[in-house]
Amino acid sequence: MGVEVETQVSIGNYRVDMILFSRLSKNEVIIECDGKEFHHNLIDEFRDDELIELAGLPIAHVSGSEISKSPEKCALYIVDRWFAKMMTTM
């Protein structure tokens, strides 16, 4: 689909699950794959604020259960939300 991914990217003192980007557009988005065992809403909000300030990128959260249930649906949501303009020109 023209979207590439880099996993386990360091940003400041954090490591994000993925950054999606495309050479066909300037769009980029941080993807956090959230699971109950490793995430806490309040701590995640604080971290997200810092990441947005450091990287200047939006953050998409996808739960582990959503990924397990339908990885295709998760991928389409992300592409449609942040890379839709690029997809219509392909």
C-alpha atoms as a PDB file:
ATOM      1  CA  MET A   1       0.000   0.000   0.000  1.00  0.00           C
ATOM      2  CA  GLY A   2       3.028   2.287  -0.109  1.00  0.00           C
ATOM      3  CA  VAL A   3       3.274   2.579   3.678  1.00  0.00           C
ATOM      4  CA  GLU A   4       6.437   1.504   5.436  1.00  0.00           C
ATOM      5  CA  VAL A   5       7.072   0.722   9.084  1.00  0.00           C
ATOM      6  CA  GLU A   6       9.979   1.026  11.477  1.00  0.00           C
ATOM      7  CA  THR A   7       9.588  -0.885  14.745  1.00  0.00           C
ATOM      8  CA  GLN A   8      10.858  -0.224  18.268  1.00  0.00           C
ATOM      9  CA  VAL A   9      11.897   3.370  17.554  1.00  0.00           C
ATOM     10  CA  SER A  10      13.615   5.382  20.294  1.00  0.00           C
ATOM     11  CA  ILE A  11      12.210   8.858  20.865  1.00  0.00           C
ATOM     12  CA  GLY A  12      13.769  10.657  23.800  1.00  0.00           C
ATOM     13  CA  ASN A  13      13.626   8.293  26.774  1.00  0.00           C
ATOM     14  CA  TYR A  14      10.848   6.231  25.193  1.00  0.00           C
ATOM     15  CA  ARG A  15      10.626   3.383  22.736  1.00  0.00           C
ATOM     16  CA  VAL A  16       7.505   3.355  20.568  1.00  0.00           C
ATOM     17  CA  ASP A  17       6.129   0.196  18.996  1.00  0.00           C
ATOM     18  CA  MET A  18       6.092   1.518  15.421  1.00  0.00           C
ATOM     19  CA  ILE A  19       6.307   4.558  13.220  1.00  0.00           C
ATOM     20  CA  LEU A  20       4.472   4.337   9.911  1.00  0.00           C
ATOM     21  CA  PHE A  21       5.571   6.562   7.055  1.00  0.00           C
ATOM     22  CA  SER A  22       5.480   6.801   3.301  1.00  0.00           C
ATOM     23  CA  ARG A  23       7.943   8.072   0.768  1.00  0.00           C
ATOM     24  CA  LEU A  24       4.924   9.187  -1.275  1.00  0.00           C
ATOM     25  CA  SER A  25       3.717  11.670   1.351  1.00  0.00           C
ATOM     26  CA  LYS A  26       4.987  13.568   4.365  1.00  0.00           C
ATOM     27  CA  ASN A  27       2.579  11.794   6.709  1.00  0.00           C
ATOM     28  CA  GLU A  28       3.947   9.844   9.634  1.00  0.00           C
ATOM     29  CA  VAL A  29       2.217   8.375  12.679  1.00  0.00           C
ATOM     30  CA  ILE A  30       3.351   6.640  15.849  1.00  0.00           C
ATOM     31  CA  ILE A  31       1.547   3.358  16.499  1.00  0.00           C
ATOM     32  CA  GLU A  32       1.274   2.048  20.035  1.00  0.00           C
ATOM     33  CA  CYS A  33       0.007  -1.518  20.407  1.00  0.00           C
ATOM     34  CA  ASP A  34      -1.632  -1.444  23.799  1.00  0.00           C
ATOM     35  CA  GLY A  35      -2.048  -4.467  26.001  1.00  0.00           C
ATOM     36  CA  LYS A  36      -3.510  -4.524  29.498  1.00  0.00           C
ATOM     37  CA  GLU A  37      -0.337  -5.981  31.001  1.00  0.00           C
ATOM     38  CA  PHE A  38       1.967  -3.203  29.823  1.00  0.00           C
ATOM     39  CA  HIS A  39      -0.134  -0.036  29.747  1.00  0.00           C
ATOM     40  CA  HIS A  40      -1.828   2.265  32.205  1.00  0.00           C
ATOM     41  CA  ASN A  41      -4.127   5.056  30.952  1.00  0.00           C
ATOM     42  CA  LEU A  42      -2.756   7.867  33.129  1.00  0.00           C
ATOM     43  CA  ILE A  43       0.886   6.982  32.509  1.00  0.00           C
ATOM     44  CA  ASP A  44       0.192   6.529  28.779  1.00  0.00           C
ATOM     45  CA  GLU A  45      -1.422   9.983  28.548  1.00  0.00           C
ATOM     46  CA  PHE A  46       1.645  11.580  30.128  1.00  0.00           C
ATOM     47  CA  ARG A  47       3.952   9.625  27.814  1.00  0.00           C
ATOM     48  CA  ASP A  48       1.851  10.508  24.761  1.00  0.00           C
ATOM     49  CA  ASP A  49       2.035  14.223  25.567  1.00  0.00           C
ATOM     50  CA  GLU A  50       5.820  13.997  25.782  1.00  0.00           C
ATOM     51  CA  LEU A  51       6.093  11.950  22.580  1.00  0.00           C
ATOM     52  CA  ILE A  52       3.921  14.380  20.637  1.00  0.00           C
ATOM     53  CA  GLU A  53       6.086  17.245  21.850  1.00  0.00           C
ATOM     54  CA  LEU A  54       9.355  15.414  21.078  1.00  0.00           C
ATOM     55  CA  ALA A  55       8.453  13.849  17.729  1.00  0.00           C
ATOM     56  CA  GLY A  56       5.738  16.193  16.495  1.00  0.00           C
ATOM     57  CA  LEU A  57       3.740  13.181  15.312  1.00  0.00           C
ATOM     58  CA  PRO A  58       0.226  11.973  16.056  1.00  0.00           C
ATOM     59  CA  ILE A  59      -0.220   8.738  17.989  1.00  0.00           C
ATOM     60  CA  ALA A  60      -2.626   5.921  17.150  1.00  0.00           C
ATOM     61  CA  HIS A  61      -3.462   3.379  19.831  1.00  0.00           C
ATOM     62  CA  VAL A  62      -4.520  -0.099  18.801  1.00  0.00           C
ATOM     63  CA  SER A  63      -5.348  -2.677  21.445  1.00  0.00           C
ATOM     64  CA  GLY A  64      -3.853  -6.139  21.455  1.00  0.00           C
ATOM     65  CA  SER A  65      -7.336  -7.656  21.290  1.00  0.00           C
ATOM     66  CA  GLU A  66      -8.164  -5.552  18.208  1.00  0.00           C
ATOM     67  CA  ILE A  67      -4.956  -6.671  16.530  1.00  0.00           C
ATOM     68  CA  SER A  68      -5.612 -10.336  17.357  1.00  0.00           C
ATOM     69  CA  LYS A  69      -9.217 -10.113  16.205  1.00  0.00           C
ATOM     70  CA  SER A  70      -8.554  -8.346  12.896  1.00  0.00           C
ATOM     71  CA  PRO A  71      -5.086  -7.069  12.014  1.00  0.00           C
ATOM     72  CA  GLU A  72      -6.393  -6.092   8.576  1.00  0.00           C
ATOM     73  CA  LYS A  73      -9.075  -3.858  10.112  1.00  0.00           C
ATOM     74  CA  CYS A  74      -6.436  -2.165  12.285  1.00  0.00           C
ATOM     75  CA  ALA A  75      -4.171  -1.575   9.297  1.00  0.00           C
ATOM     76  CA  LEU A  76      -7.016  -0.174   7.205  1.00  0.00           C
ATOM     77  CA  TYR A  77      -8.062   2.167  10.039  1.00  0.00           C
ATOM     78  CA  ILE A  78      -4.535   3.575  10.271  1.00  0.00           C
ATOM     79  CA  VAL A  79      -4.047   3.910   6.519  1.00  0.00           C
ATOM     80  CA  ASP A  80      -7.494   5.479   6.073  1.00  0.00           C
ATOM     81  CA  ARG A  81      -6.934   7.947   8.917  1.00  0.00           C
ATOM     82  CA  TRP A  82      -3.388   9.113   8.186  1.00  0.00           C
ATOM     83  CA  PHE A  83      -2.637   8.103   4.588  1.00  0.00           C
ATOM     84  CA  ALA A  84      -6.035   8.388   2.840  1.00  0.00           C
ATOM     85  CA  LYS A  85      -5.008  11.196   0.472  1.00  0.00           C
ATOM     86  CA  MET A  86      -2.001   9.195  -0.647  1.00  0.00           C
ATOM     87  CA  MET A  87      -4.138   6.088  -1.184  1.00  0.00           C
ATOM     88  CA  THR A  88      -6.573   7.907  -3.484  1.00  0.00           C
ATOM     89  CA  THR A  89      -3.703   8.996  -5.739  1.00  0.00           C
ATOM     90  CA  MET A  90      -2.299   5.492  -6.159  1.00  0.00           C
END
